[in-house]
């Protein structure tokens, strides 16, 4: 049997009879719920908003602060919400499930050296959360895995591509600087849910973190162009000189618009944000799709 660093025996991978899901009403969590229920797993999920009941699924009101103590009969926990909050909650538990699969973010690497203090803080909190989770899991004999998605799409609820689609649909066009050629790996929510279920039963993933990106690498402007082509009618992408785009952005900022699109965001458009998926492919058969979004997948 595989062992953790503290020599506590790891659980044998199997389908749990009862799992808890945090963030179950989110864009990734809802897909994880679907897969667990399809396997006949009894699920308790947490949401701050009322949710429709489903066979095999019990919704609880609230979040981690309302969750209290994990019952002894819960064999697996999936965290599809903020990793830092979940790691603190898990570290404060007296007992532990056999298995934890939690979503983090590749921002732990991407934003670590950002010029923006807020982004550096995000990276720091993600890194500390991973360390806290793995330490608490090792101390209790829980097998933990962290999945770090890249740019997520597919549910029409993400904060990047769906926002771009909404702006392009409203104006019939979208503008980018010509320098927006950094490489990207957009990943579909269904591939992330499949990754969570595959990792959960793979002993090779115990006490490891994995980048989980999409199956295709393309430039930022190519990615945006495909989003615009998914709209009905398609929107036009205008690539303009970077100094002109910067000047347009200053005007928008002065008018109180596009404040989130700052200098650091522009720098990242030029940067290659590509991650090695080989460990995920090797350890749990990760096989994400290429990037061909439909209108509904980007909120259109």
C-alpha atoms as a PDB file:
ATOM      1  CA  UNK A   1       0.000   0.000   0.000  1.00  0.00           C
ATOM      2  CA  UNK A   2       1.225   3.502  -0.810  1.00  0.00           C
ATOM      3  CA  UNK A   3       2.169   5.648   2.146  1.00  0.00           C
ATOM      4  CA  UNK A   4       2.347   9.354   2.938  1.00  0.00           C
ATOM      5  CA  UNK A   5       5.344  11.147   4.313  1.00  0.00           C
ATOM      6  CA  UNK A   6       4.303  10.445   7.908  1.00  0.00           C
ATOM      7  CA  UNK A   7       3.987   6.702   7.121  1.00  0.00           C
ATOM      8  CA  UNK A   8       0.222   6.706   7.750  1.00  0.00           C
ATOM      9  CA  UNK A   9      -1.454   4.223   5.358  1.00  0.00           C
ATOM     10  CA  UNK A  10      -3.315   5.782   2.483  1.00  0.00           C
ATOM     11  CA  UNK A  11      -6.868   4.710   1.669  1.00  0.00           C
ATOM     12  CA  UNK A  12      -7.550   2.267  -1.126  1.00  0.00           C
ATOM     13  CA  UNK A  13      -9.231   4.146  -4.003  1.00  0.00           C
ATOM     14  CA  UNK A  14     -12.926   3.351  -4.299  1.00  0.00           C
ATOM     15  CA  UNK A  15     -16.257   5.019  -4.929  1.00  0.00           C
ATOM     16  CA  UNK A  16     -17.488   6.585  -1.683  1.00  0.00           C
ATOM     17  CA  UNK A  17     -21.051   6.041  -0.558  1.00  0.00           C
ATOM     18  CA  UNK A  18     -21.288   9.599   0.774  1.00  0.00           C
ATOM     19  CA  UNK A  19     -19.425  12.705  -0.383  1.00  0.00           C
ATOM     20  CA  UNK A  20     -19.574  16.370   0.566  1.00  0.00           C
ATOM     21  CA  UNK A  21     -19.189  19.040  -2.133  1.00  0.00           C
ATOM     22  CA  UNK A  22     -18.367  22.654  -1.359  1.00  0.00           C
ATOM     23  CA  UNK A  23     -19.078  25.133  -4.140  1.00  0.00           C
ATOM     24  CA  UNK A  24     -21.623  22.731  -5.601  1.00  0.00           C
ATOM     25  CA  UNK A  25     -23.637  25.492  -7.262  1.00  0.00           C
ATOM     26  CA  UNK A  26     -20.577  26.961  -8.996  1.00  0.00           C
ATOM     27  CA  UNK A  27     -19.594  26.387 -12.594  1.00  0.00           C
ATOM     28  CA  UNK A  28     -17.218  23.515 -11.774  1.00  0.00           C
ATOM     29  CA  UNK A  29     -19.080  22.202  -8.733  1.00  0.00           C
ATOM     30  CA  UNK A  30     -22.352  21.629 -10.573  1.00  0.00           C
ATOM     31  CA  UNK A  31     -20.557  19.368 -13.071  1.00  0.00           C
ATOM     32  CA  UNK A  32     -18.833  17.453 -10.272  1.00  0.00           C
ATOM     33  CA  UNK A  33     -22.243  16.921  -8.654  1.00  0.00           C
ATOM     34  CA  UNK A  34     -23.647  15.508 -11.893  1.00  0.00           C
ATOM     35  CA  UNK A  35     -20.862  12.952 -12.122  1.00  0.00           C
ATOM     36  CA  UNK A  36     -21.065  11.873  -8.495  1.00  0.00           C
ATOM     37  CA  UNK A  37     -24.837  11.400  -8.694  1.00  0.00           C
ATOM     38  CA  UNK A  38     -24.471   9.456 -11.944  1.00  0.00           C
ATOM     39  CA  UNK A  39     -22.222   7.026 -10.048  1.00  0.00           C
ATOM     40  CA  UNK A  40     -24.818   6.530  -7.334  1.00  0.00           C
ATOM     41  CA  UNK A  41     -22.949   8.500  -4.677  1.00  0.00           C
ATOM     42  CA  UNK A  42     -25.023  10.147  -1.950  1.00  0.00           C
ATOM     43  CA  UNK A  43     -24.040  13.813  -1.966  1.00  0.00           C
ATOM     44  CA  UNK A  44     -24.374  16.628   0.540  1.00  0.00           C
ATOM     45  CA  UNK A  45     -23.665  19.977  -1.106  1.00  0.00           C
ATOM     46  CA  UNK A  46     -23.431  23.474   0.292  1.00  0.00           C
ATOM     47  CA  UNK A  47     -24.772  26.665  -1.259  1.00  0.00           C
ATOM     48  CA  UNK A  48     -25.615  30.146  -0.014  1.00  0.00           C
ATOM     49  CA  UNK A  49     -28.530  30.319  -2.466  1.00  0.00           C
ATOM     50  CA  UNK A  50     -31.583  27.971  -2.506  1.00  0.00           C
ATOM     51  CA  UNK A  51     -31.138  25.081  -4.947  1.00  0.00           C
ATOM     52  CA  UNK A  52     -33.603  22.658  -6.525  1.00  0.00           C
ATOM     53  CA  UNK A  53     -33.682  19.213  -4.857  1.00  0.00           C
ATOM     54  CA  UNK A  54     -32.518  16.158  -6.792  1.00  0.00           C
ATOM     55  CA  UNK A  55     -32.570  12.432  -5.988  1.00  0.00           C
ATOM     56  CA  UNK A  56     -29.485  11.487  -4.009  1.00  0.00           C
ATOM     57  CA  UNK A  57     -28.558  15.113  -3.340  1.00  0.00           C
ATOM     58  CA  UNK A  58     -29.072  17.036  -0.111  1.00  0.00           C
ATOM     59  CA  UNK A  59     -28.505  20.780  -0.185  1.00  0.00           C
ATOM     60  CA  UNK A  60     -27.399  22.592   2.956  1.00  0.00           C
ATOM     61  CA  UNK A  61     -27.720  26.356   3.324  1.00  0.00           C
ATOM     62  CA  UNK A  62     -24.551  28.338   3.868  1.00  0.00           C
ATOM     63  CA  UNK A  63     -20.866  27.842   3.314  1.00  0.00           C
ATOM     64  CA  UNK A  64     -17.838  26.585   5.171  1.00  0.00           C
ATOM     65  CA  UNK A  65     -18.552  28.692   8.252  1.00  0.00           C
ATOM     66  CA  UNK A  66     -21.932  26.951   8.601  1.00  0.00           C
ATOM     67  CA  UNK A  67     -20.691  23.450   7.752  1.00  0.00           C
ATOM     68  CA  UNK A  68     -19.527  22.594  11.244  1.00  0.00           C
ATOM     69  CA  UNK A  69     -17.900  19.237  11.897  1.00  0.00           C
ATOM     70  CA  UNK A  70     -17.585  16.667   9.139  1.00  0.00           C
ATOM     71  CA  UNK A  71     -19.634  13.551  10.013  1.00  0.00           C
ATOM     72  CA  UNK A  72     -17.765  10.273  10.318  1.00  0.00           C
ATOM     73  CA  UNK A  73     -19.726   8.685   7.443  1.00  0.00           C
ATOM     74  CA  UNK A  74     -18.469  11.149   4.825  1.00  0.00           C
ATOM     75  CA  UNK A  75     -15.726   9.385   2.899  1.00  0.00           C
ATOM     76  CA  UNK A  76     -14.774  12.036   0.347  1.00  0.00           C
ATOM     77  CA  UNK A  77     -14.848  15.829   0.130  1.00  0.00           C
ATOM     78  CA  UNK A  78     -14.658  17.859  -3.071  1.00  0.00           C
ATOM     79  CA  UNK A  79     -13.849  21.552  -2.779  1.00  0.00           C
ATOM     80  CA  UNK A  80     -14.871  23.559  -5.845  1.00  0.00           C
ATOM     81  CA  UNK A  81     -14.766  26.980  -4.219  1.00  0.00           C
ATOM     82  CA  UNK A  82     -12.023  29.218  -2.780  1.00  0.00           C
ATOM     83  CA  UNK A  83      -9.116  27.027  -1.719  1.00  0.00           C
ATOM     84  CA  UNK A  84      -7.907  29.252   1.120  1.00  0.00           C
ATOM     85  CA  UNK A  85     -11.249  29.125   2.945  1.00  0.00           C
ATOM     86  CA  UNK A  86     -11.523  25.377   2.465  1.00  0.00           C
ATOM     87  CA  UNK A  87      -7.976  24.697   3.676  1.00  0.00           C
ATOM     88  CA  UNK A  88      -8.612  26.637   6.898  1.00  0.00           C
ATOM     89  CA  UNK A  89     -11.861  24.753   7.495  1.00  0.00           C
ATOM     90  CA  UNK A  90     -10.251  21.376   6.826  1.00  0.00           C
ATOM     91  CA  UNK A  91      -7.296  22.126   9.092  1.00  0.00           C
ATOM     92  CA  UNK A  92      -9.735  22.873  11.909  1.00  0.00           C
ATOM     93  CA  UNK A  93     -11.548  19.554  11.654  1.00  0.00           C
ATOM     94  CA  UNK A  94     -10.957  16.939  14.330  1.00  0.00           C
ATOM     95  CA  UNK A  95     -11.673  14.013  12.019  1.00  0.00           C
ATOM     96  CA  UNK A  96     -11.034  13.556   8.334  1.00  0.00           C
ATOM     97  CA  UNK A  97     -12.407  11.790   5.254  1.00  0.00           C
ATOM     98  CA  UNK A  98     -10.342   9.228   3.404  1.00  0.00           C
ATOM     99  CA  UNK A  99     -10.147  11.449   0.323  1.00  0.00           C
ATOM    100  CA  UNK A 100     -10.050  15.154  -0.546  1.00  0.00           C
ATOM    101  CA  UNK A 101      -9.954  16.633  -4.055  1.00  0.00           C
ATOM    102  CA  UNK A 102      -9.743  20.433  -4.113  1.00  0.00           C
ATOM    103  CA  UNK A 103      -9.523  23.014  -6.876  1.00  0.00           C
ATOM    104  CA  UNK A 104      -6.912  25.733  -6.642  1.00  0.00           C
ATOM    105  CA  UNK A 105      -5.599  27.813  -9.542  1.00  0.00           C
ATOM    106  CA  UNK A 106      -2.560  28.236 -11.771  1.00  0.00           C
ATOM    107  CA  UNK A 107      -2.593  31.805 -10.410  1.00  0.00           C
ATOM    108  CA  UNK A 108      -0.415  30.379  -7.644  1.00  0.00           C
ATOM    109  CA  UNK A 109       2.382  30.552 -10.249  1.00  0.00           C
ATOM    110  CA  UNK A 110       1.139  33.180 -12.703  1.00  0.00           C
ATOM    111  CA  UNK A 111       0.591  35.955 -10.158  1.00  0.00           C
ATOM    112  CA  UNK A 112       3.449  35.236  -7.768  1.00  0.00           C
ATOM    113  CA  UNK A 113       5.719  37.835  -9.405  1.00  0.00           C
ATOM    114  CA  UNK A 114       3.005  40.271 -10.495  1.00  0.00           C
ATOM    115  CA  UNK A 115       3.645  43.999 -10.266  1.00  0.00           C
ATOM    116  CA  UNK A 116       0.201  44.278  -8.669  1.00  0.00           C
ATOM    117  CA  UNK A 117       0.248  43.789  -4.881  1.00  0.00           C
ATOM    118  CA  UNK A 118      -3.284  42.412  -4.862  1.00  0.00           C
ATOM    119  CA  UNK A 119      -2.371  39.724  -7.385  1.00  0.00           C
ATOM    120  CA  UNK A 120       0.757  38.771  -5.443  1.00  0.00           C
ATOM    121  CA  UNK A 121      -1.469  38.384  -2.393  1.00  0.00           C
ATOM    122  CA  UNK A 122      -3.745  36.025  -4.335  1.00  0.00           C
ATOM    123  CA  UNK A 123      -0.753  33.853  -5.251  1.00  0.00           C
ATOM    124  CA  UNK A 124       0.528  33.884  -1.672  1.00  0.00           C
ATOM    125  CA  UNK A 125      -2.844  32.834  -0.253  1.00  0.00           C
ATOM    126  CA  UNK A 126      -3.143  30.015  -2.791  1.00  0.00           C
ATOM    127  CA  UNK A 127       0.337  28.712  -1.956  1.00  0.00           C
ATOM    128  CA  UNK A 128      -0.338  28.876   1.771  1.00  0.00           C
ATOM    129  CA  UNK A 129      -3.691  27.135   1.289  1.00  0.00           C
ATOM    130  CA  UNK A 130      -2.092  24.252  -0.597  1.00  0.00           C
ATOM    131  CA  UNK A 131       0.570  23.857   2.104  1.00  0.00           C
ATOM    132  CA  UNK A 132      -2.053  23.964   4.864  1.00  0.00           C
ATOM    133  CA  UNK A 133      -4.258  21.401   3.140  1.00  0.00           C
ATOM    134  CA  UNK A 134      -1.459  18.939   2.422  1.00  0.00           C
ATOM    135  CA  UNK A 135      -0.042  19.240   5.948  1.00  0.00           C
ATOM    136  CA  UNK A 136      -3.429  18.666   7.593  1.00  0.00           C
ATOM    137  CA  UNK A 137      -4.177  15.747   5.270  1.00  0.00           C
ATOM    138  CA  UNK A 138      -0.833  14.076   5.938  1.00  0.00           C
ATOM    139  CA  UNK A 139      -1.308  14.414   9.678  1.00  0.00           C
ATOM    140  CA  UNK A 140      -4.684  12.650   9.529  1.00  0.00           C
ATOM    141  CA  UNK A 141      -4.110   9.942   6.950  1.00  0.00           C
ATOM    142  CA  UNK A 142      -6.235  11.696   4.324  1.00  0.00           C
ATOM    143  CA  UNK A 143      -5.195  11.448   0.678  1.00  0.00           C
ATOM    144  CA  UNK A 144      -5.392  14.958  -0.799  1.00  0.00           C
ATOM    145  CA  UNK A 145      -5.091  16.187  -4.382  1.00  0.00           C
ATOM    146  CA  UNK A 146      -5.146  19.773  -5.654  1.00  0.00           C
ATOM    147  CA  UNK A 147      -6.123  20.582  -9.240  1.00  0.00           C
ATOM    148  CA  UNK A 148      -5.002  23.930 -10.652  1.00  0.00           C
ATOM    149  CA  UNK A 149      -7.160  25.012 -13.617  1.00  0.00           C
ATOM    150  CA  UNK A 150      -6.020  27.490 -16.210  1.00  0.00           C
ATOM    151  CA  UNK A 151      -8.568  29.851 -17.826  1.00  0.00           C
ATOM    152  CA  UNK A 152     -11.978  28.199 -17.267  1.00  0.00           C
ATOM    153  CA  UNK A 153     -14.928  28.323 -19.679  1.00  0.00           C
ATOM    154  CA  UNK A 154     -17.900  26.192 -20.655  1.00  0.00           C
ATOM    155  CA  UNK A 155     -20.695  27.150 -18.262  1.00  0.00           C
ATOM    156  CA  UNK A 156     -21.140  30.692 -19.544  1.00  0.00           C
ATOM    157  CA  UNK A 157     -20.413  31.976 -16.049  1.00  0.00           C
ATOM    158  CA  UNK A 158     -16.672  32.600 -16.046  1.00  0.00           C
ATOM    159  CA  UNK A 159     -15.167  36.010 -15.403  1.00  0.00           C
ATOM    160  CA  UNK A 160     -13.045  36.218 -18.557  1.00  0.00           C
ATOM    161  CA  UNK A 161     -14.318  34.738 -21.806  1.00  0.00           C
ATOM    162  CA  UNK A 162     -17.999  35.218 -20.962  1.00  0.00           C
ATOM    163  CA  UNK A 163     -17.281  38.864 -20.121  1.00  0.00           C
ATOM    164  CA  UNK A 164     -15.493  39.289 -23.446  1.00  0.00           C
ATOM    165  CA  UNK A 165     -18.441  37.649 -25.228  1.00  0.00           C
ATOM    166  CA  UNK A 166     -20.939  39.938 -23.501  1.00  0.00           C
ATOM    167  CA  UNK A 167     -19.004  43.070 -24.463  1.00  0.00           C
ATOM    168  CA  UNK A 168     -18.574  41.904 -28.062  1.00  0.00           C
ATOM    169  CA  UNK A 169     -22.240  40.987 -28.380  1.00  0.00           C
ATOM    170  CA  UNK A 170     -23.263  44.403 -27.081  1.00  0.00           C
ATOM    171  CA  UNK A 171     -21.060  46.354 -29.483  1.00  0.00           C
ATOM    172  CA  UNK A 172     -20.667  43.924 -32.386  1.00  0.00           C
ATOM    173  CA  UNK A 173     -16.896  44.164 -32.069  1.00  0.00           C
ATOM    174  CA  UNK A 174     -14.004  43.726 -29.675  1.00  0.00           C
ATOM    175  CA  UNK A 175     -10.665  45.530 -29.631  1.00  0.00           C
ATOM    176  CA  UNK A 176      -7.285  44.078 -28.659  1.00  0.00           C
ATOM    177  CA  UNK A 177      -3.733  45.400 -28.841  1.00  0.00           C
ATOM    178  CA  UNK A 178      -1.632  43.724 -31.503  1.00  0.00           C
ATOM    179  CA  UNK A 179       0.747  42.631 -28.760  1.00  0.00           C
ATOM    180  CA  UNK A 180      -1.928  40.338 -27.237  1.00  0.00           C
ATOM    181  CA  UNK A 181      -0.233  37.200 -28.500  1.00  0.00           C
ATOM    182  CA  UNK A 182       0.658  35.368 -25.297  1.00  0.00           C
ATOM    183  CA  UNK A 183      -0.168  31.675 -25.344  1.00  0.00           C
ATOM    184  CA  UNK A 184      -3.173  30.277 -23.455  1.00  0.00           C
ATOM    185  CA  UNK A 185      -4.751  26.888 -22.588  1.00  0.00           C
ATOM    186  CA  UNK A 186      -8.474  27.536 -21.935  1.00  0.00           C
ATOM    187  CA  UNK A 187     -10.060  24.564 -20.156  1.00  0.00           C
ATOM    188  CA  UNK A 188     -13.683  23.381 -20.269  1.00  0.00           C
ATOM    189  CA  UNK A 189     -15.586  22.873 -17.001  1.00  0.00           C
ATOM    190  CA  UNK A 190     -16.577  19.358 -18.055  1.00  0.00           C
ATOM    191  CA  UNK A 191     -12.924  18.399 -18.446  1.00  0.00           C
ATOM    192  CA  UNK A 192     -12.239  19.745 -14.964  1.00  0.00           C
ATOM    193  CA  UNK A 193     -15.099  17.723 -13.470  1.00  0.00           C
ATOM    194  CA  UNK A 194     -13.828  14.617 -15.262  1.00  0.00           C
ATOM    195  CA  UNK A 195     -10.361  15.348 -13.876  1.00  0.00           C
ATOM    196  CA  UNK A 196     -11.702  15.559 -10.324  1.00  0.00           C
ATOM    197  CA  UNK A 197     -13.427  12.177 -10.603  1.00  0.00           C
ATOM    198  CA  UNK A 198     -10.439  10.536 -12.294  1.00  0.00           C
ATOM    199  CA  UNK A 199      -7.935  11.911  -9.785  1.00  0.00           C
ATOM    200  CA  UNK A 200     -10.102  10.844  -6.862  1.00  0.00           C
ATOM    201  CA  UNK A 201      -9.618   7.132  -7.593  1.00  0.00           C
ATOM    202  CA  UNK A 202      -5.954   7.334  -8.646  1.00  0.00           C
ATOM    203  CA  UNK A 203      -3.404   6.626  -5.891  1.00  0.00           C
ATOM    204  CA  UNK A 204      -0.710   8.306  -7.994  1.00  0.00           C
ATOM    205  CA  UNK A 205      -2.368  11.667  -7.285  1.00  0.00           C
ATOM    206  CA  UNK A 206      -2.167  11.442  -3.502  1.00  0.00           C
ATOM    207  CA  UNK A 207      -0.503  14.524  -1.974  1.00  0.00           C
ATOM    208  CA  UNK A 208       0.153  16.138  -5.358  1.00  0.00           C
ATOM    209  CA  UNK A 209      -0.968  19.289  -7.176  1.00  0.00           C
ATOM    210  CA  UNK A 210      -1.574  19.291 -10.932  1.00  0.00           C
ATOM    211  CA  UNK A 211      -1.988  21.918 -13.624  1.00  0.00           C
ATOM    212  CA  UNK A 212      -5.174  21.118 -15.551  1.00  0.00           C
ATOM    213  CA  UNK A 213      -5.374  23.203 -18.708  1.00  0.00           C
ATOM    214  CA  UNK A 214      -7.126  22.748 -22.009  1.00  0.00           C
ATOM    215  CA  UNK A 215      -6.029  20.412 -24.780  1.00  0.00           C
ATOM    216  CA  UNK A 216      -5.015  23.185 -27.173  1.00  0.00           C
ATOM    217  CA  UNK A 217      -2.475  25.989 -26.917  1.00  0.00           C
ATOM    218  CA  UNK A 218      -3.341  29.155 -28.841  1.00  0.00           C
ATOM    219  CA  UNK A 219      -2.517  32.840 -28.692  1.00  0.00           C
ATOM    220  CA  UNK A 220      -4.632  35.253 -26.695  1.00  0.00           C
ATOM    221  CA  UNK A 221      -5.970  36.969 -29.804  1.00  0.00           C
ATOM    222  CA  UNK A 222      -6.756  33.628 -31.473  1.00  0.00           C
ATOM    223  CA  UNK A 223      -8.653  32.585 -28.354  1.00  0.00           C
ATOM    224  CA  UNK A 224     -10.694  35.799 -28.388  1.00  0.00           C
ATOM    225  CA  UNK A 225     -11.340  35.447 -32.131  1.00  0.00           C
ATOM    226  CA  UNK A 226     -12.882  32.011 -31.585  1.00  0.00           C
ATOM    227  CA  UNK A 227     -15.110  33.393 -28.836  1.00  0.00           C
ATOM    228  CA  UNK A 228     -16.335  36.140 -31.174  1.00  0.00           C
ATOM    229  CA  UNK A 229     -17.007  33.632 -33.956  1.00  0.00           C
ATOM    230  CA  UNK A 230     -19.208  31.616 -31.577  1.00  0.00           C
ATOM    231  CA  UNK A 231     -21.629  34.518 -31.230  1.00  0.00           C
ATOM    232  CA  UNK A 232     -24.766  34.861 -33.340  1.00  0.00           C
ATOM    233  CA  UNK A 233     -24.108  36.950 -35.293  1.00  0.00           C
ATOM    234  CA  UNK A 234     -20.327  36.745 -34.991  1.00  0.00           C
ATOM    235  CA  UNK A 235     -18.559  39.851 -33.729  1.00  0.00           C
ATOM    236  CA  UNK A 236     -15.524  41.457 -35.353  1.00  0.00           C
ATOM    237  CA  UNK A 237     -12.098  41.469 -33.739  1.00  0.00           C
ATOM    238  CA  UNK A 238     -10.074  44.646 -34.267  1.00  0.00           C
ATOM    239  CA  UNK A 239      -6.336  44.442 -33.574  1.00  0.00           C
ATOM    240  CA  UNK A 240      -4.884  47.918 -33.069  1.00  0.00           C
ATOM    241  CA  UNK A 241      -1.374  49.207 -32.312  1.00  0.00           C
ATOM    242  CA  UNK A 242      -0.558  48.807 -28.650  1.00  0.00           C
ATOM    243  CA  UNK A 243       0.045  52.550 -28.018  1.00  0.00           C
ATOM    244  CA  UNK A 244      -3.380  53.322 -29.503  1.00  0.00           C
ATOM    245  CA  UNK A 245      -5.010  50.658 -27.331  1.00  0.00           C
ATOM    246  CA  UNK A 246      -3.250  52.047 -24.247  1.00  0.00           C
ATOM    247  CA  UNK A 247      -4.525  55.522 -25.019  1.00  0.00           C
ATOM    248  CA  UNK A 248      -8.082  54.224 -25.511  1.00  0.00           C
ATOM    249  CA  UNK A 249      -7.811  52.414 -22.194  1.00  0.00           C
ATOM    250  CA  UNK A 250      -6.746  55.604 -20.396  1.00  0.00           C
ATOM    251  CA  UNK A 251      -9.850  57.330 -21.713  1.00  0.00           C
ATOM    252  CA  UNK A 252     -12.012  54.437 -20.537  1.00  0.00           C
ATOM    253  CA  UNK A 253     -10.413  54.520 -17.084  1.00  0.00           C
ATOM    254  CA  UNK A 254     -11.024  58.270 -16.846  1.00  0.00           C
ATOM    255  CA  UNK A 255     -14.691  57.571 -17.551  1.00  0.00           C
ATOM    256  CA  UNK A 256     -14.765  54.942 -14.788  1.00  0.00           C
ATOM    257  CA  UNK A 257     -14.853  51.958 -17.147  1.00  0.00           C
ATOM    258  CA  UNK A 258     -12.635  48.871 -17.576  1.00  0.00           C
ATOM    259  CA  UNK A 259     -10.781  49.533 -14.329  1.00  0.00           C
ATOM    260  CA  UNK A 260      -9.965  45.831 -14.030  1.00  0.00           C
ATOM    261  CA  UNK A 261      -7.991  45.993 -17.263  1.00  0.00           C
ATOM    262  CA  UNK A 262      -4.808  47.463 -15.801  1.00  0.00           C
ATOM    263  CA  UNK A 263      -1.149  47.482 -16.823  1.00  0.00           C
ATOM    264  CA  UNK A 264      -0.556  44.063 -15.296  1.00  0.00           C
ATOM    265  CA  UNK A 265      -3.480  42.588 -17.240  1.00  0.00           C
ATOM    266  CA  UNK A 266      -2.048  44.051 -20.451  1.00  0.00           C
ATOM    267  CA  UNK A 267       1.351  42.566 -19.645  1.00  0.00           C
ATOM    268  CA  UNK A 268      -0.201  39.129 -19.166  1.00  0.00           C
ATOM    269  CA  UNK A 269      -1.859  39.351 -22.598  1.00  0.00           C
ATOM    270  CA  UNK A 270       1.694  39.298 -23.984  1.00  0.00           C
ATOM    271  CA  UNK A 271       2.952  36.552 -21.649  1.00  0.00           C
ATOM    272  CA  UNK A 272       2.820  32.824 -22.374  1.00  0.00           C
ATOM    273  CA  UNK A 273       0.739  31.121 -19.675  1.00  0.00           C
ATOM    274  CA  UNK A 274       1.227  27.493 -20.661  1.00  0.00           C
ATOM    275  CA  UNK A 275       1.508  24.626 -18.198  1.00  0.00           C
ATOM    276  CA  UNK A 276       2.793  21.075 -18.395  1.00  0.00           C
ATOM    277  CA  UNK A 277      -0.146  18.657 -18.506  1.00  0.00           C
ATOM    278  CA  UNK A 278       2.044  15.549 -18.760  1.00  0.00           C
ATOM    279  CA  UNK A 279       1.870  14.720 -15.015  1.00  0.00           C
ATOM    280  CA  UNK A 280      -1.952  14.821 -15.110  1.00  0.00           C
ATOM    281  CA  UNK A 281      -2.031  12.691 -18.259  1.00  0.00           C
ATOM    282  CA  UNK A 282       0.351  10.188 -16.702  1.00  0.00           C
ATOM    283  CA  UNK A 283      -1.224   9.930 -13.252  1.00  0.00           C
ATOM    284  CA  UNK A 284      -4.963   9.988 -14.017  1.00  0.00           C
ATOM    285  CA  UNK A 285      -5.396   9.901 -17.783  1.00  0.00           C
ATOM    286  CA  UNK A 286      -6.239  13.572 -18.212  1.00  0.00           C
ATOM    287  CA  UNK A 287      -7.399  14.182 -21.804  1.00  0.00           C
ATOM    288  CA  UNK A 288      -8.895  17.685 -22.236  1.00  0.00           C
ATOM    289  CA  UNK A 289     -10.574  18.884 -25.447  1.00  0.00           C
ATOM    290  CA  UNK A 290      -9.398  21.542 -27.851  1.00  0.00           C
ATOM    291  CA  UNK A 291     -10.858  25.032 -27.791  1.00  0.00           C
ATOM    292  CA  UNK A 292     -14.014  25.242 -29.931  1.00  0.00           C
ATOM    293  CA  UNK A 293     -16.574  27.065 -27.760  1.00  0.00           C
ATOM    294  CA  UNK A 294     -20.256  27.199 -28.569  1.00  0.00           C
ATOM    295  CA  UNK A 295     -22.339  30.296 -27.893  1.00  0.00           C
ATOM    296  CA  UNK A 296     -23.856  28.953 -24.662  1.00  0.00           C
ATOM    297  CA  UNK A 297     -20.423  27.958 -23.388  1.00  0.00           C
ATOM    298  CA  UNK A 298     -19.372  31.608 -23.345  1.00  0.00           C
ATOM    299  CA  UNK A 299     -22.664  32.916 -22.007  1.00  0.00           C
ATOM    300  CA  UNK A 300     -24.169  33.941 -25.344  1.00  0.00           C
END
